[in-house]
Protein backbone atom coordinates (compact mmCIF):
# COMPACT_ATOMS: atom_id res chain seq x y z
CA MET A 1 -6.13 2.13 19.59
CA THR A 2 -8.73 -0.30 19.31
CA ASP A 3 -9.80 -2.25 16.11
CA SER A 4 -12.54 0.09 15.80
CA ALA A 5 -10.21 3.44 15.21
CA THR A 6 -8.96 1.67 12.06
CA ASP A 7 -12.51 -0.32 10.96
CA SER A 8 -14.53 3.06 11.09
CA ILE A 9 -13.85 3.95 7.49
CA ARG A 10 -13.37 1.27 5.19
CA PHE A 11 -12.53 1.28 1.56
CA THR A 12 -14.47 -1.47 -0.84
CA ALA A 13 -12.93 -2.82 -3.88
CA HIS A 14 -15.33 -3.95 -7.13
CA ASN A 15 -14.89 -7.53 -5.24
CA GLY A 16 -15.80 -6.80 -2.02
CA PHE A 17 -12.69 -6.81 -0.45
CA THR A 18 -12.29 -4.22 2.09
CA LEU A 19 -8.59 -2.27 2.85
CA PRO A 20 -8.85 0.64 6.16
CA PRO A 21 -7.41 3.45 5.19
CA ILE A 22 -4.49 3.46 7.18
CA GLY A 23 -1.97 1.24 6.79
CA LEU A 24 1.60 -0.04 8.53
CA GLY A 25 4.89 0.74 5.86
CA THR A 26 7.61 -1.79 6.91
CA TYR A 27 10.33 -0.37 4.40
CA ARG A 28 13.87 -0.79 6.19
CA LEU A 29 12.39 -2.49 9.43
CA HIS A 30 13.97 -5.43 9.40
CA GLY A 31 15.53 -8.04 12.60
CA GLU A 32 14.06 -8.05 16.08
CA ALA A 33 13.95 -4.17 16.25
CA GLY A 34 11.95 -4.56 12.62
CA ALA A 35 9.82 -7.62 14.11
CA LYS A 36 9.14 -5.55 17.49
CA ALA A 37 7.84 -2.15 15.44
CA VAL A 38 5.35 -4.43 13.69
CA ALA A 39 4.00 -6.40 16.69
CA GLU A 40 3.81 -2.64 18.67
CA GLY A 41 2.06 -1.06 15.70
CA ILE A 42 -0.50 -4.15 15.61
CA ARG A 43 -1.37 -3.71 19.11
CA LEU A 44 -1.97 -0.07 18.58
CA GLY A 45 -4.47 -1.42 15.65
CA TYR A 46 -3.33 -1.42 12.48
CA ARG A 47 -4.62 -4.16 10.39
CA LEU A 48 -2.93 -3.66 7.57
CA ILE A 49 0.66 -4.22 7.23
CA ASP A 50 3.28 -3.95 4.02
CA SER A 51 5.66 -5.77 3.07
CA ALA A 52 7.98 -7.19 -0.20
CA VAL A 53 10.11 -9.87 -1.28
CA ASN A 54 12.38 -6.97 -2.19
CA TYR A 55 12.31 -5.18 1.21
CA GLU A 56 13.90 -8.62 2.61
CA ASN A 57 11.89 -8.02 5.61
CA GLU A 58 9.16 -11.03 5.18
CA GLY A 59 10.33 -12.69 8.39
CA ALA A 60 10.20 -10.25 10.42
CA VAL A 61 7.03 -8.61 9.38
CA GLY A 62 5.85 -12.45 9.85
CA ALA A 63 7.67 -12.99 13.44
CA GLY A 64 6.11 -9.16 14.38
CA ALA A 65 2.38 -10.51 13.47
CA ALA A 66 2.41 -13.72 15.07
CA ALA A 67 4.10 -12.14 18.49
CA SER A 68 1.24 -9.16 18.21
CA GLY A 69 -1.32 -11.72 19.85
CA ILE A 70 -3.60 -10.67 17.38
CA ASP A 71 -5.27 -13.17 15.03
CA ALA A 72 -3.94 -13.63 11.89
CA GLY A 73 -7.14 -13.55 10.32
CA ASP A 74 -7.56 -10.10 11.11
CA LEU A 75 -4.44 -9.04 9.83
CA ILE A 76 -4.07 -8.33 6.06
CA VAL A 77 -0.72 -8.59 5.25
CA THR A 78 0.90 -7.42 1.65
CA THR A 79 3.90 -8.76 0.23
CA LYS A 80 4.91 -8.33 -3.61
CA ILE A 81 6.42 -10.68 -7.10
CA PRO A 82 9.88 -8.94 -7.93
CA GLY A 83 10.29 -8.64 -11.39
CA ARG A 84 12.84 -11.33 -11.34
CA HIS A 85 10.24 -13.55 -10.19
CA HIS A 86 8.14 -13.08 -13.03
CA SER A 87 8.44 -16.26 -15.17
CA SER A 88 5.35 -18.33 -14.55
CA ALA A 89 7.47 -20.86 -12.81
CA LYS A 90 9.11 -18.59 -10.66
CA ALA A 91 6.50 -16.68 -9.65
CA ARG A 92 4.87 -19.48 -8.31
CA THR A 93 7.57 -20.46 -5.73
CA SER A 94 7.87 -16.67 -4.82
CA ILE A 95 4.39 -16.74 -4.21
CA GLU A 96 4.63 -20.22 -1.72
CA GLU A 97 8.36 -19.24 -0.42
CA SER A 98 6.74 -15.31 1.06
CA ARG A 99 3.85 -17.33 2.24
CA PHE A 100 6.56 -19.35 4.38
CA ARG A 101 8.57 -16.64 5.48
CA LEU A 102 5.25 -14.98 6.65
CA GLY A 103 4.50 -17.94 8.64
CA ALA A 104 0.92 -17.62 7.29
CA PRO A 105 -0.89 -20.55 5.58
CA ALA A 106 -2.27 -17.73 3.22
CA THR A 107 -0.71 -14.47 2.17
CA GLY A 108 -3.50 -11.52 2.83
CA LEU A 109 -2.71 -9.31 -0.16
CA HIS A 110 -0.16 -10.25 -3.04
CA LEU A 111 0.78 -7.74 -5.77
CA ILE A 112 3.01 -7.52 -8.60
CA HIS A 113 6.05 -4.95 -7.45
CA TRP A 114 6.34 -3.79 -10.66
CA PRO A 115 4.93 -4.37 -14.65
CA ASN A 116 8.80 -3.87 -16.24
CA PRO A 117 7.27 -3.70 -19.68
CA SER A 118 10.27 -4.67 -21.49
CA VAL A 119 10.75 -8.10 -20.14
CA ASP A 120 6.72 -8.43 -20.66
CA ARG A 121 6.10 -11.39 -18.52
CA TYR A 122 4.09 -9.13 -15.85
CA VAL A 123 0.62 -11.23 -17.30
CA GLU A 124 2.76 -14.34 -16.24
CA ALA A 125 2.68 -12.90 -12.86
CA TRP A 126 -0.81 -12.06 -12.71
CA GLU A 127 -1.66 -15.51 -13.64
CA ALA A 128 0.46 -17.62 -11.11
CA LEU A 129 -1.86 -14.83 -8.62
CA VAL A 130 -5.07 -15.91 -9.81
CA GLN A 131 -4.06 -19.99 -9.63
CA ALA A 132 -2.32 -19.12 -5.95
CA GLN A 133 -5.97 -17.21 -4.91
CA GLN A 134 -7.62 -20.19 -6.83
CA ARG A 135 -6.02 -22.90 -4.44
CA GLY A 136 -6.49 -20.63 -1.19
CA THR A 137 -2.63 -19.80 -1.16
CA VAL A 138 -3.28 -16.23 -1.95
CA ARG A 139 -6.21 -14.64 -0.44
CA GLN A 140 -6.25 -11.44 -2.72
CA ILE A 141 -4.40 -10.17 -5.32
CA GLY A 142 -3.27 -7.16 -7.16
CA VAL A 143 -0.68 -5.36 -8.82
CA SER A 144 1.54 -2.12 -7.81
CA ASN A 145 3.01 0.47 -10.33
CA PHE A 146 0.69 -0.91 -13.15
CA LEU A 147 -0.39 2.15 -15.80
CA ALA A 148 -3.70 1.38 -17.52
CA GLU A 149 -2.21 -0.14 -20.11
CA HIS A 150 -0.99 -2.68 -17.81
CA LEU A 151 -4.53 -3.27 -16.37
CA ASP A 152 -6.20 -3.67 -19.33
CA ARG A 153 -3.98 -6.51 -20.61
CA ILE A 154 -3.91 -8.55 -17.68
CA GLU A 155 -7.55 -8.68 -17.35
CA GLY A 156 -8.05 -8.63 -21.08
CA GLU A 157 -5.89 -11.67 -20.78
CA THR A 158 -7.20 -13.38 -17.72
CA GLY A 159 -10.66 -12.15 -16.75
CA VAL A 160 -9.81 -10.79 -13.28
CA ARG A 161 -9.62 -7.75 -12.50
CA PRO A 162 -6.87 -6.47 -9.64
CA ALA A 163 -8.25 -5.12 -5.97
CA VAL A 164 -5.47 -2.88 -5.36
CA ASN A 165 -3.13 -1.04 -7.42
CA GLN A 166 -0.41 0.33 -4.98
CA ILE A 167 1.22 3.38 -7.08
CA GLU A 168 3.13 6.43 -5.79
CA VAL A 169 1.08 9.25 -3.99
CA HIS A 170 1.66 12.01 -2.04
CA PRO A 171 0.74 15.44 -2.77
CA TYR A 172 3.69 16.79 -5.02
CA PHE A 173 2.44 13.63 -7.47
CA PRO A 174 -1.43 13.49 -6.44
CA GLN A 175 -2.23 11.31 -9.42
CA GLU A 176 -5.73 12.28 -10.06
CA GLU A 177 -6.21 10.43 -13.68
CA ALA A 178 -5.09 7.07 -12.25
CA LEU A 179 -7.09 7.83 -9.17
CA ALA A 180 -10.09 8.29 -11.41
CA LEU A 181 -9.63 5.14 -13.85
CA HIS A 182 -9.31 3.53 -9.88
CA ALA A 183 -12.57 5.01 -9.12
CA GLU A 184 -14.24 4.15 -12.28
CA ARG A 185 -13.15 0.01 -11.89
CA GLY A 186 -13.61 -0.23 -8.11
CA ILE A 187 -9.56 -1.03 -7.92
CA LEU A 188 -8.55 0.16 -4.30
CA THR A 189 -5.60 2.89 -4.59
CA VAL A 190 -2.64 2.17 -1.78
CA ALA A 191 0.02 4.85 -1.83
CA TRP A 192 3.41 4.20 -1.45
CA SER A 193 5.74 6.98 -0.05
CA PRO A 194 2.02 8.94 1.00
CA LEU A 195 4.18 11.65 2.28
CA GLY A 196 6.61 12.07 -1.15
CA ARG A 197 9.53 14.41 0.20
CA ALA A 198 8.56 14.84 4.08
CA ARG A 199 10.52 17.23 5.06
CA GLU A 200 9.95 19.52 1.77
CA VAL A 201 6.02 18.68 1.73
CA LEU A 202 5.66 19.06 5.82
CA GLN A 203 6.94 22.73 5.45
CA GLU A 204 4.60 24.14 2.73
CA PRO A 205 2.50 26.83 3.65
CA VAL A 206 -0.56 24.93 2.91
CA ILE A 207 -0.13 22.18 4.98
CA THR A 208 1.16 23.62 7.89
CA ARG A 209 -1.50 26.36 7.73
CA THR A 210 -4.12 23.19 7.68
CA ALA A 211 -2.47 21.96 10.54
CA ALA A 212 -2.61 24.59 12.65
CA ALA A 213 -6.84 25.04 11.91
CA HIS A 214 -6.98 21.26 13.21
CA GLY A 215 -4.43 21.43 15.91
CA ILE A 216 -2.59 18.33 14.51
CA THR A 217 0.40 17.78 12.77
CA PRO A 218 1.26 18.43 8.95
CA ALA A 219 1.87 14.81 8.35
CA GLN A 220 -1.72 13.81 9.96
CA VAL A 221 -2.92 17.07 7.45
CA VAL A 222 -1.37 14.72 4.41
CA ILE A 223 -2.61 11.32 5.64
CA ALA A 224 -5.87 12.50 6.12
CA TRP A 225 -5.75 14.42 2.69
CA HIS A 226 -5.32 10.71 0.96
CA VAL A 227 -8.54 9.53 3.42
CA ALA A 228 -10.22 12.15 2.16
CA ARG A 229 -9.40 11.40 -1.39
CA GLY A 230 -10.00 7.76 -0.94
CA VAL A 231 -6.57 6.43 -0.72
CA VAL A 232 -5.09 4.35 1.39
CA SER A 233 -1.81 5.27 2.97
CA ILE A 234 0.88 3.09 4.33
CA PRO A 235 3.13 5.84 5.81
CA LYS A 236 6.39 3.93 7.82
CA ALA A 237 6.47 4.43 11.65
CA SER A 238 8.76 2.15 13.42
CA SER A 239 8.05 4.67 16.62
CA ALA A 240 4.80 3.91 18.81
CA GLU A 241 4.29 7.59 19.03
CA HIS A 242 4.83 8.09 15.23
CA GLN A 243 2.60 5.01 14.97
CA ARG A 244 -0.22 6.67 17.03
CA GLU A 245 -0.22 9.75 15.37
CA ASN A 246 -0.49 8.36 11.65
CA LEU A 247 -3.90 6.25 12.62
CA ALA A 248 -5.24 9.16 14.45
CA ALA A 249 -5.49 11.07 11.00
CA ALA A 250 -8.25 8.81 9.84
CA SER A 251 -10.50 10.55 12.34
CA VAL A 252 -9.37 13.72 10.75
CA VAL A 253 -12.22 15.48 8.54
CA LEU A 254 -10.45 17.99 5.43
CA ASP A 255 -13.02 20.02 3.80
CA PRO A 256 -12.81 20.05 0.21
CA ALA A 257 -11.66 23.40 0.15
CA GLU A 258 -8.40 22.21 1.61
CA VAL A 259 -8.26 18.99 0.04
CA GLU A 260 -8.31 20.65 -3.33
CA ALA A 261 -5.26 23.16 -2.01
CA ILE A 262 -3.33 20.63 -0.79
CA THR A 263 -3.95 18.58 -4.15
CA ALA A 264 -2.70 21.95 -6.27
CA LEU A 265 0.92 20.76 -4.71
CA GLY A 266 1.26 18.78 -7.67
CA ARG A 267 4.05 19.41 -10.04
CA PRO A 268 4.84 17.52 -13.32
CA ASP A 269 8.25 16.49 -12.36
CA GLY A 270 6.58 15.43 -8.65
CA ARG A 271 7.88 11.71 -8.98
CA LEU A 272 10.67 10.79 -5.87
CA PHE A 273 12.64 8.79 -8.77
CA ASP A 274 12.59 8.30 -12.09
CA GLY A 275 9.77 5.54 -11.73
CA ASN A 276 7.66 5.96 -14.69
CA PRO A 277 6.19 2.45 -14.64
CA ALA A 278 6.14 2.37 -18.48
CA THR A 279 10.22 2.70 -18.38
CA HIS A 280 11.31 1.81 -14.66
CA GLU A 281 12.41 -1.96 -14.47
CA GLU A 282 13.06 -2.99 -10.57
CA MET A 283 14.28 -6.96 -10.32
């Protein structure tokens, strides 16, 4: 897989920042095995790698990126500020420590992991990211799991709109309203857990029929569905085989009826867990 395979499609934010349609999720990839998986993924063509302080694997991700042989400037490594670091001083230190663990002069894309609204310090964390970007220690900044009211507030109080909002999106939770809001504001949507309840989702008749029609796997169908909707997906894959399959899904074109049929799998209780950002807190 060459660089051009992931660069043939790019999604663009309001500030000109672009992301490839598919990145590499690294949740539960740790230690030497995790570093090797990251390095292999980058060699295969991944240029967006997703990590977080709370994944406890920034060191492995940084080591894998360094071992890949690909210039760091060509990679976008994402990490996230945890809830326990939302105060101004702690957020600044968290940003610096992430950079050191990743072994990078600047983090590629730095997000706030959850807004934790009852704690009510996410604006401080956002201000810390804005300042870090101004200092040049963070290249791009965004958020994760933010609702419209959280997005409104950080932009209203700082004048800076996030480039990215990483949220839960999968066929059982298609997030149509959030995607429309992001598109209107030029905020890129990145989907965490893009395959949702994988075993269940991948057995849905509409998914298996579409896979058979295109000669691809059910997982590739779901990833192609994300691409068709303008959503960046970051499925975790530790094996080279699955990494290749996921990347190849970027070139699969679903017709509008197929996209609509998969979106129709959405459920009122489609979240993977009780992760409503209005109430959920993660430290």
